[in-house]
């Protein structure tokens, strides 16, 4: 992975997955992603992209709406699997 922080990578992946989010829209770290249209299928797609990007595998217990509720909860789940990553934005 490049020098891009995990938070920045998550933001980039979210914007690619949810194209209705304009570049001028700020996705707050504690903003519910359901407000931006993330549904269960999108959550699975996002999980797969994160697994590929960060070379991790989410255990079944992590694949919950709560783990993917906000950028902060995604970063927390990722930090559990990859504590070596910089997850702050």
PDB file of N, CA and C in Angstrom:
ATOM      1  N   UNK A   1       0.840  -1.175   0.000  1.00  0.00           N
ATOM      2  CA  UNK A   1       0.000   0.000   0.000  1.00  0.00           C
ATOM      3  C   UNK A   1       0.885   1.239   0.000  1.00  0.00           C
ATOM      4  N   UNK A   2       0.391   2.312  -0.567  1.00  0.00           N
ATOM      5  CA  UNK A   2       1.146   3.557  -0.621  1.00  0.00           C
ATOM      6  C   UNK A   2       1.136   4.236   0.750  1.00  0.00           C
ATOM      7  N   UNK A   3       1.540   5.503   0.780  1.00  0.00           N
ATOM      8  CA  UNK A   3       1.531   6.266   2.019  1.00  0.00           C
ATOM      9  C   UNK A   3       0.132   6.732   2.410  1.00  0.00           C
ATOM     10  N   UNK A   4      -0.862   6.400   1.615  1.00  0.00           N
ATOM     11  CA  UNK A   4      -2.240   6.771   1.900  1.00  0.00           C
ATOM     12  C   UNK A   4      -2.678   6.132   3.224  1.00  0.00           C
ATOM     13  N   UNK A   5      -3.294   6.933   4.099  1.00  0.00           N
ATOM     14  CA  UNK A   5      -3.769   6.379   5.366  1.00  0.00           C
ATOM     15  C   UNK A   5      -4.964   5.478   5.111  1.00  0.00           C
ATOM     16  N   UNK A   6      -5.240   4.618   6.063  1.00  0.00           N
ATOM     17  CA  UNK A   6      -6.392   3.730   5.937  1.00  0.00           C
ATOM     18  C   UNK A   6      -7.681   4.548   5.835  1.00  0.00           C
ATOM     19  N   UNK A   7      -7.788   5.621   6.617  1.00  0.00           N
ATOM     20  CA  UNK A   7      -8.984   6.465   6.569  1.00  0.00           C
ATOM     21  C   UNK A   7      -9.174   7.068   5.186  1.00  0.00           C
ATOM     22  N   UNK A   8      -8.093   7.526   4.568  1.00  0.00           N
ATOM     23  CA  UNK A   8      -8.182   8.089   3.222  1.00  0.00           C
ATOM     24  C   UNK A   8      -8.559   7.026   2.203  1.00  0.00           C
ATOM     25  N   UNK A   9      -8.000   5.830   2.371  1.00  0.00           N
ATOM     26  CA  UNK A   9      -8.326   4.735   1.456  1.00  0.00           C
ATOM     27  C   UNK A   9      -9.786   4.330   1.604  1.00  0.00           C
ATOM     28  N   UNK A  10     -10.284   4.275   2.836  1.00  0.00           N
ATOM     29  CA  UNK A  10     -11.694   3.946   3.064  1.00  0.00           C
ATOM     30  C   UNK A  10     -12.580   4.999   2.413  1.00  0.00           C
ATOM     31  N   UNK A  11     -12.245   6.261   2.574  1.00  0.00           N
ATOM     32  CA  UNK A  11     -13.002   7.347   1.948  1.00  0.00           C
ATOM     33  C   UNK A  11     -13.015   7.179   0.430  1.00  0.00           C
ATOM     34  N   UNK A  12     -11.867   6.876  -0.149  1.00  0.00           N
ATOM     35  CA  UNK A  12     -11.770   6.696  -1.599  1.00  0.00           C
ATOM     36  C   UNK A  12     -12.619   5.517  -2.055  1.00  0.00           C
ATOM     37  N   UNK A  13     -12.555   4.408  -1.325  1.00  0.00           N
ATOM     38  CA  UNK A  13     -13.344   3.230  -1.677  1.00  0.00           C
ATOM     39  C   UNK A  13     -14.845   3.515  -1.558  1.00  0.00           C
ATOM     40  N   UNK A  14     -15.241   4.241  -0.524  1.00  0.00           N
ATOM     41  CA  UNK A  14     -16.649   4.606  -0.364  1.00  0.00           C
ATOM     42  C   UNK A  14     -17.133   5.458  -1.524  1.00  0.00           C
ATOM     43  N   UNK A  15     -16.335   6.424  -1.928  1.00  0.00           N
ATOM     44  CA  UNK A  15     -16.726   7.310  -3.024  1.00  0.00           C
ATOM     45  C   UNK A  15     -16.844   6.550  -4.340  1.00  0.00           C
ATOM     46  N   UNK A  16     -15.993   5.553  -4.546  1.00  0.00           N
ATOM     47  CA  UNK A  16     -16.080   4.741  -5.760  1.00  0.00           C
ATOM     48  C   UNK A  16     -17.321   3.842  -5.733  1.00  0.00           C
ATOM     49  N   UNK A  17     -17.667   3.358  -4.555  1.00  0.00           N
ATOM     50  CA  UNK A  17     -18.806   2.459  -4.396  1.00  0.00           C
ATOM     51  C   UNK A  17     -20.135   3.220  -4.410  1.00  0.00           C
ATOM     52  N   UNK A  18     -20.123   4.429  -3.912  1.00  0.00           N
ATOM     53  CA  UNK A  18     -21.334   5.254  -3.815  1.00  0.00           C
ATOM     54  C   UNK A  18     -21.161   6.508  -4.671  1.00  0.00           C
ATOM     55  N   UNK A  19     -21.341   6.373  -5.983  1.00  0.00           N
ATOM     56  CA  UNK A  19     -21.012   7.470  -6.895  1.00  0.00           C
ATOM     57  C   UNK A  19     -21.872   8.722  -6.742  1.00  0.00           C
ATOM     58  N   UNK A  20     -22.974   8.647  -6.008  1.00  0.00           N
ATOM     59  CA  UNK A  20     -23.800   9.837  -5.817  1.00  0.00           C
ATOM     60  C   UNK A  20     -23.194  10.815  -4.813  1.00  0.00           C
ATOM     61  N   UNK A  21     -22.122  10.385  -4.139  1.00  0.00           N
ATOM     62  CA  UNK A  21     -21.442  11.274  -3.201  1.00  0.00           C
ATOM     63  C   UNK A  21     -20.525  12.184  -4.018  1.00  0.00           C
ATOM     64  N   UNK A  22     -20.806  13.452  -4.007  1.00  0.00           N
ATOM     65  CA  UNK A  22     -19.993  14.397  -4.744  1.00  0.00           C
ATOM     66  C   UNK A  22     -18.656  14.636  -4.074  1.00  0.00           C
ATOM     67  N   UNK A  23     -17.710  15.123  -4.855  1.00  0.00           N
ATOM     68  CA  UNK A  23     -16.379  15.412  -4.316  1.00  0.00           C
ATOM     69  C   UNK A  23     -16.423  16.480  -3.227  1.00  0.00           C
ATOM     70  N   UNK A  24     -17.451  17.322  -3.271  1.00  0.00           N
ATOM     71  CA  UNK A  24     -17.553  18.398  -2.291  1.00  0.00           C
ATOM     72  C   UNK A  24     -18.219  17.953  -0.982  1.00  0.00           C
ATOM     73  N   UNK A  25     -18.725  16.719  -0.948  1.00  0.00           N
ATOM     74  CA  UNK A  25     -19.399  16.203   0.245  1.00  0.00           C
ATOM     75  C   UNK A  25     -18.366  15.626   1.204  1.00  0.00           C
ATOM     76  N   UNK A  26     -18.427  16.038   2.444  1.00  0.00           N
ATOM     77  CA  UNK A  26     -17.546  15.513   3.479  1.00  0.00           C
ATOM     78  C   UNK A  26     -18.247  14.325   4.136  1.00  0.00           C
ATOM     79  N   UNK A  27     -17.562  13.193   4.170  1.00  0.00           N
ATOM     80  CA  UNK A  27     -18.089  12.029   4.865  1.00  0.00           C
ATOM     81  C   UNK A  27     -17.460  12.033   6.250  1.00  0.00           C
ATOM     82  N   UNK A  28     -18.227  12.427   7.241  1.00  0.00           N
ATOM     83  CA  UNK A  28     -17.717  12.478   8.610  1.00  0.00           C
ATOM     84  C   UNK A  28     -17.386  11.090   9.123  1.00  0.00           C
ATOM     85  N   UNK A  29     -16.398  10.997   9.982  1.00  0.00           N
ATOM     86  CA  UNK A  29     -15.960   9.704  10.509  1.00  0.00           C
ATOM     87  C   UNK A  29     -17.060   8.982  11.278  1.00  0.00           C
ATOM     88  N   UNK A  30     -18.029   9.718  11.810  1.00  0.00           N
ATOM     89  CA  UNK A  30     -19.099   9.104  12.594  1.00  0.00           C
ATOM     90  C   UNK A  30     -20.457   9.240  11.896  1.00  0.00           C
ATOM     91  N   UNK A  31     -20.409   9.589  10.617  1.00  0.00           N
ATOM     92  CA  UNK A  31     -21.626   9.740   9.817  1.00  0.00           C
ATOM     93  C   UNK A  31     -22.131   8.364   9.395  1.00  0.00           C
ATOM     94  N   UNK A  32     -23.404   8.039   9.663  1.00  0.00           N
ATOM     95  CA  UNK A  32     -23.930   6.740   9.233  1.00  0.00           C
ATOM     96  C   UNK A  32     -23.867   6.611   7.706  1.00  0.00           C
ATOM     97  N   UNK A  33     -23.236   5.564   7.260  1.00  0.00           N
ATOM     98  CA  UNK A  33     -23.079   5.370   5.817  1.00  0.00           C
ATOM     99  C   UNK A  33     -24.395   5.040   5.136  1.00  0.00           C
ATOM    100  N   UNK A  34     -25.378   4.621   5.903  1.00  0.00           N
ATOM    101  CA  UNK A  34     -26.707   4.395   5.325  1.00  0.00           C
ATOM    102  C   UNK A  34     -27.282   5.710   4.791  1.00  0.00           C
ATOM    103  N   UNK A  35     -26.867   6.834   5.359  1.00  0.00           N
ATOM    104  CA  UNK A  35     -27.320   8.140   4.863  1.00  0.00           C
ATOM    105  C   UNK A  35     -26.812   8.413   3.458  1.00  0.00           C
ATOM    106  N   UNK A  36     -25.754   7.739   3.073  1.00  0.00           N
ATOM    107  CA  UNK A  36     -25.179   7.917   1.743  1.00  0.00           C
ATOM    108  C   UNK A  36     -25.584   6.794   0.791  1.00  0.00           C
ATOM    109  N   UNK A  37     -26.432   5.879   1.279  1.00  0.00           N
ATOM    110  CA  UNK A  37     -26.933   4.815   0.416  1.00  0.00           C
ATOM    111  C   UNK A  37     -26.235   3.479   0.539  1.00  0.00           C
ATOM    112  N   UNK A  38     -25.374   3.315   1.539  1.00  0.00           N
ATOM    113  CA  UNK A  38     -24.719   2.012   1.706  1.00  0.00           C
ATOM    114  C   UNK A  38     -25.736   1.016   2.244  1.00  0.00           C
ATOM    115  N   UNK A  39     -25.960  -0.045   1.477  1.00  0.00           N
ATOM    116  CA  UNK A  39     -26.879  -1.096   1.903  1.00  0.00           C
ATOM    117  C   UNK A  39     -26.092  -2.376   2.136  1.00  0.00           C
ATOM    118  N   UNK A  40     -26.783  -3.487   2.390  1.00  0.00           N
ATOM    119  CA  UNK A  40     -26.082  -4.729   2.729  1.00  0.00           C
ATOM    120  C   UNK A  40     -25.225  -5.240   1.576  1.00  0.00           C
ATOM    121  N   UNK A  41     -25.687  -5.104   0.350  1.00  0.00           N
ATOM    122  CA  UNK A  41     -24.878  -5.524  -0.792  1.00  0.00           C
ATOM    123  C   UNK A  41     -23.645  -4.636  -0.928  1.00  0.00           C
ATOM    124  N   UNK A  42     -23.825  -3.348  -0.727  1.00  0.00           N
ATOM    125  CA  UNK A  42     -22.698  -2.427  -0.766  1.00  0.00           C
ATOM    126  C   UNK A  42     -21.699  -2.722   0.332  1.00  0.00           C
ATOM    127  N   UNK A  43     -22.199  -3.120   1.498  1.00  0.00           N
ATOM    128  CA  UNK A  43     -21.314  -3.475   2.609  1.00  0.00           C
ATOM    129  C   UNK A  43     -20.432  -4.655   2.223  1.00  0.00           C
ATOM    130  N   UNK A  44     -21.022  -5.655   1.587  1.00  0.00           N
ATOM    131  CA  UNK A  44     -20.244  -6.829   1.168  1.00  0.00           C
ATOM    132  C   UNK A  44     -19.214  -6.431   0.120  1.00  0.00           C
ATOM    133  N   UNK A  45     -19.621  -5.608  -0.824  1.00  0.00           N
ATOM    134  CA  UNK A  45     -18.664  -5.135  -1.853  1.00  0.00           C
ATOM    135  C   UNK A  45     -17.526  -4.348  -1.215  1.00  0.00           C
ATOM    136  N   UNK A  46     -17.872  -3.475  -0.280  1.00  0.00           N
ATOM    137  CA  UNK A  46     -16.856  -2.678   0.408  1.00  0.00           C
ATOM    138  C   UNK A  46     -15.912  -3.582   1.191  1.00  0.00           C
ATOM    139  N   UNK A  47     -16.460  -4.562   1.890  1.00  0.00           N
ATOM    140  CA  UNK A  47     -15.626  -5.492   2.656  1.00  0.00           C
ATOM    141  C   UNK A  47     -14.637  -6.206   1.733  1.00  0.00           C
ATOM    142  N   UNK A  48     -15.107  -6.635   0.579  1.00  0.00           N
ATOM    143  CA  UNK A  48     -14.216  -7.325  -0.369  1.00  0.00           C
ATOM    144  C   UNK A  48     -13.118  -6.399  -0.870  1.00  0.00           C
ATOM    145  N   UNK A  49     -13.457  -5.146  -1.141  1.00  0.00           N
ATOM    146  CA  UNK A  49     -12.459  -4.186  -1.607  1.00  0.00           C
ATOM    147  C   UNK A  49     -11.434  -3.880  -0.514  1.00  0.00           C
ATOM    148  N   UNK A  50     -11.897  -3.753   0.712  1.00  0.00           N
ATOM    149  CA  UNK A  50     -10.981  -3.497   1.828  1.00  0.00           C
ATOM    150  C   UNK A  50     -10.072  -4.696   2.043  1.00  0.00           C
ATOM    151  N   UNK A  51     -10.632  -5.893   1.978  1.00  0.00           N
ATOM    152  CA  UNK A  51      -9.810  -7.099   2.131  1.00  0.00           C
ATOM    153  C   UNK A  51      -8.696  -7.131   1.086  1.00  0.00           C
ATOM    154  N   UNK A  52      -9.042  -6.789  -0.140  1.00  0.00           N
ATOM    155  CA  UNK A  52      -8.039  -6.794  -1.211  1.00  0.00           C
ATOM    156  C   UNK A  52      -7.014  -5.679  -1.006  1.00  0.00           C
ATOM    157  N   UNK A  53      -7.490  -4.489  -0.723  1.00  0.00           N
ATOM    158  CA  UNK A  53      -6.600  -3.322  -0.562  1.00  0.00           C
ATOM    159  C   UNK A  53      -5.604  -3.508   0.578  1.00  0.00           C
ATOM    160  N   UNK A  54      -6.086  -4.060   1.710  1.00  0.00           N
ATOM    161  CA  UNK A  54      -5.266  -4.137   2.910  1.00  0.00           C
ATOM    162  C   UNK A  54      -4.762  -5.539   3.225  1.00  0.00           C
ATOM    163  N   UNK A  55      -5.039  -6.482   2.327  1.00  0.00           N
ATOM    164  CA  UNK A  55      -4.574  -7.861   2.489  1.00  0.00           C
ATOM    165  C   UNK A  55      -4.984  -8.436   3.844  1.00  0.00           C
ATOM    166  N   UNK A  56      -6.276  -8.354   4.112  1.00  0.00           N
ATOM    167  CA  UNK A  56      -6.868  -8.902   5.331  1.00  0.00           C
ATOM    168  C   UNK A  56      -8.062  -9.765   4.940  1.00  0.00           C
ATOM    169  N   UNK A  57      -8.526 -10.539   5.891  1.00  0.00           N
ATOM    170  CA  UNK A  57      -9.769 -11.287   5.733  1.00  0.00           C
ATOM    171  C   UNK A  57     -10.621 -10.979   6.953  1.00  0.00           C
ATOM    172  N   UNK A  58     -11.805 -10.432   6.716  1.00  0.00           N
ATOM    173  CA  UNK A  58     -12.712 -10.146   7.814  1.00  0.00           C
ATOM    174  C   UNK A  58     -13.310 -11.452   8.316  1.00  0.00           C
ATOM    175  N   UNK A  59     -13.152 -11.770   9.598  1.00  0.00           N
ATOM    176  CA  UNK A  59     -13.854 -12.932  10.156  1.00  0.00           C
ATOM    177  C   UNK A  59     -15.364 -12.686  10.077  1.00  0.00           C
ATOM    178  N   UNK A  60     -16.130 -13.757  10.077  1.00  0.00           N
ATOM    179  CA  UNK A  60     -17.585 -13.626   9.969  1.00  0.00           C
ATOM    180  C   UNK A  60     -18.155 -12.654  10.995  1.00  0.00           C
ATOM    181  N   UNK A  61     -17.613 -12.639  12.197  1.00  0.00           N
ATOM    182  CA  UNK A  61     -18.110 -11.753  13.243  1.00  0.00           C
ATOM    183  C   UNK A  61     -17.933 -10.274  12.940  1.00  0.00           C
ATOM    184  N   UNK A  62     -17.061  -9.946  11.985  1.00  0.00           N
ATOM    185  CA  UNK A  62     -16.835  -8.555  11.602  1.00  0.00           C
ATOM    186  C   UNK A  62     -17.781  -8.117  10.490  1.00  0.00           C
ATOM    187  N   UNK A  63     -18.378  -9.063   9.796  1.00  0.00           N
ATOM    188  CA  UNK A  63     -19.238  -8.739   8.661  1.00  0.00           C
ATOM    189  C   UNK A  63     -20.657  -8.467   9.146  1.00  0.00           C
ATOM    190  N   UNK A  64     -20.785  -7.365   9.872  1.00  0.00           N
ATOM    191  CA  UNK A  64     -22.069  -6.970  10.439  1.00  0.00           C
ATOM    192  C   UNK A  64     -22.356  -5.515  10.060  1.00  0.00           C
ATOM    193  N   UNK A  65     -23.624  -5.143  10.047  1.00  0.00           N
ATOM    194  CA  UNK A  65     -23.942  -3.734   9.781  1.00  0.00           C
ATOM    195  C   UNK A  65     -23.272  -2.790  10.783  1.00  0.00           C
ATOM    196  N   UNK A  66     -23.096  -3.236  12.014  1.00  0.00           N
ATOM    197  CA  UNK A  66     -22.457  -2.390  13.027  1.00  0.00           C
ATOM    198  C   UNK A  66     -20.996  -2.101  12.681  1.00  0.00           C
ATOM    199  N   UNK A  67     -20.293  -3.088  12.135  1.00  0.00           N
ATOM    200  CA  UNK A  67     -18.884  -2.891  11.766  1.00  0.00           C
ATOM    201  C   UNK A  67     -18.725  -1.946  10.587  1.00  0.00           C
ATOM    202  N   UNK A  68     -19.768  -1.834   9.756  1.00  0.00           N
ATOM    203  CA  UNK A  68     -19.707  -1.007   8.560  1.00  0.00           C
ATOM    204  C   UNK A  68     -20.668   0.174   8.645  1.00  0.00           C
ATOM    205  N   UNK A  69     -21.020   0.570   9.858  1.00  0.00           N
ATOM    206  CA  UNK A  69     -21.991   1.646  10.052  1.00  0.00           C
ATOM    207  C   UNK A  69     -21.441   3.017   9.689  1.00  0.00           C
ATOM    208  N   UNK A  70     -20.177   3.258  10.013  1.00  0.00           N
ATOM    209  CA  UNK A  70     -19.547   4.567   9.780  1.00  0.00           C
ATOM    210  C   UNK A  70     -18.106   4.340   9.333  1.00  0.00           C
ATOM    211  N   UNK A  71     -17.477   5.350   8.766  1.00  0.00           N
ATOM    212  CA  UNK A  71     -16.053   5.203   8.460  1.00  0.00           C
ATOM    213  C   UNK A  71     -15.228   4.859   9.707  1.00  0.00           C
ATOM    214  N   UNK A  72     -15.598   5.403  10.860  1.00  0.00           N
ATOM    215  CA  UNK A  72     -14.853   5.128  12.094  1.00  0.00           C
ATOM    216  C   UNK A  72     -14.971   3.663  12.510  1.00  0.00           C
ATOM    217  N   UNK A  73     -16.161   3.064  12.366  1.00  0.00           N
ATOM    218  CA  UNK A  73     -16.307   1.660  12.754  1.00  0.00           C
ATOM    219  C   UNK A  73     -15.576   0.743  11.780  1.00  0.00           C
ATOM    220  N   UNK A  74     -15.526   1.132  10.518  1.00  0.00           N
ATOM    221  CA  UNK A  74     -14.756   0.359   9.532  1.00  0.00           C
ATOM    222  C   UNK A  74     -13.271   0.429   9.880  1.00  0.00           C
ATOM    223  N   UNK A  75     -12.795   1.638  10.177  1.00  0.00           N
ATOM    224  CA  UNK A  75     -11.383   1.812  10.534  1.00  0.00           C
ATOM    225  C   UNK A  75     -11.040   1.035  11.797  1.00  0.00           C
ATOM    226  N   UNK A  76     -11.959   1.002  12.767  1.00  0.00           N
ATOM    227  CA  UNK A  76     -11.715   0.254  14.005  1.00  0.00           C
ATOM    228  C   UNK A  76     -11.618  -1.244  13.726  1.00  0.00           C
ATOM    229  N   UNK A  77     -12.495  -1.755  12.880  1.00  0.00           N
ATOM    230  CA  UNK A  77     -12.435  -3.177  12.524  1.00  0.00           C
ATOM    231  C   UNK A  77     -11.129  -3.483  11.800  1.00  0.00           C
ATOM    232  N   UNK A  78     -10.747  -2.603  10.889  1.00  0.00           N
ATOM    233  CA  UNK A  78      -9.504  -2.789  10.154  1.00  0.00           C
ATOM    234  C   UNK A  78      -8.297  -2.722  11.087  1.00  0.00           C
ATOM    235  N   UNK A  79      -8.320  -1.802  12.035  1.00  0.00           N
ATOM    236  CA  UNK A  79      -7.207  -1.664  12.987  1.00  0.00           C
ATOM    237  C   UNK A  79      -7.057  -2.908  13.847  1.00  0.00           C
ATOM    238  N   UNK A  80      -8.158  -3.594  14.112  1.00  0.00           N
ATOM    239  CA  UNK A  80      -8.092  -4.841  14.876  1.00  0.00           C
ATOM    240  C   UNK A  80      -7.332  -5.906  14.091  1.00  0.00           C
ATOM    241  N   UNK A  81      -7.559  -5.920  12.778  1.00  0.00           N
ATOM    242  CA  UNK A  81      -6.905  -6.914  11.922  1.00  0.00           C
ATOM    243  C   UNK A  81      -5.502  -6.505  11.507  1.00  0.00           C
ATOM    244  N   UNK A  82      -5.274  -5.203  11.391  1.00  0.00           N
ATOM    245  CA  UNK A  82      -3.970  -4.680  10.955  1.00  0.00           C
ATOM    246  C   UNK A  82      -3.552  -3.536  11.874  1.00  0.00           C
ATOM    247  N   UNK A  83      -3.098  -3.851  13.088  1.00  0.00           N
ATOM    248  CA  UNK A  83      -2.739  -2.780  14.023  1.00  0.00           C
ATOM    249  C   UNK A  83      -1.551  -1.945  13.540  1.00  0.00           C
ATOM    250  N   UNK A  84      -0.858  -2.394  12.509  1.00  0.00           N
ATOM    251  CA  UNK A  84       0.274  -1.644  11.986  1.00  0.00           C
ATOM    252  C   UNK A  84      -0.152  -0.477  11.098  1.00  0.00           C
ATOM    253  N   UNK A  85      -1.418  -0.400  10.738  1.00  0.00           N
ATOM    254  CA  UNK A  85      -1.883   0.653   9.848  1.00  0.00           C
ATOM    255  C   UNK A  85      -2.202   1.940  10.588  1.00  0.00           C
ATOM    256  N   UNK A  86      -1.999   3.058   9.917  1.00  0.00           N
ATOM    257  CA  UNK A  86      -2.411   4.367  10.414  1.00  0.00           C
ATOM    258  C   UNK A  86      -3.864   4.531  10.016  1.00  0.00           C
ATOM    259  N   UNK A  87      -4.788   4.479  10.980  1.00  0.00           N
ATOM    260  CA  UNK A  87      -6.206   4.545  10.640  1.00  0.00           C
ATOM    261  C   UNK A  87      -6.802   5.920  10.880  1.00  0.00           C
ATOM    262  N   UNK A  88      -6.060   6.840  11.447  1.00  0.00           N
ATOM    263  CA  UNK A  88      -6.580   8.192  11.665  1.00  0.00           C
ATOM    264  C   UNK A  88      -6.653   8.914  10.341  1.00  0.00           C
ATOM    265  N   UNK A  89      -7.640   9.826  10.243  1.00  0.00           N
ATOM    266  CA  UNK A  89      -7.784  10.594   8.994  1.00  0.00           C
ATOM    267  C   UNK A  89      -6.817  11.745   8.943  1.00  0.00           C
TER     268      UNK A  89
END
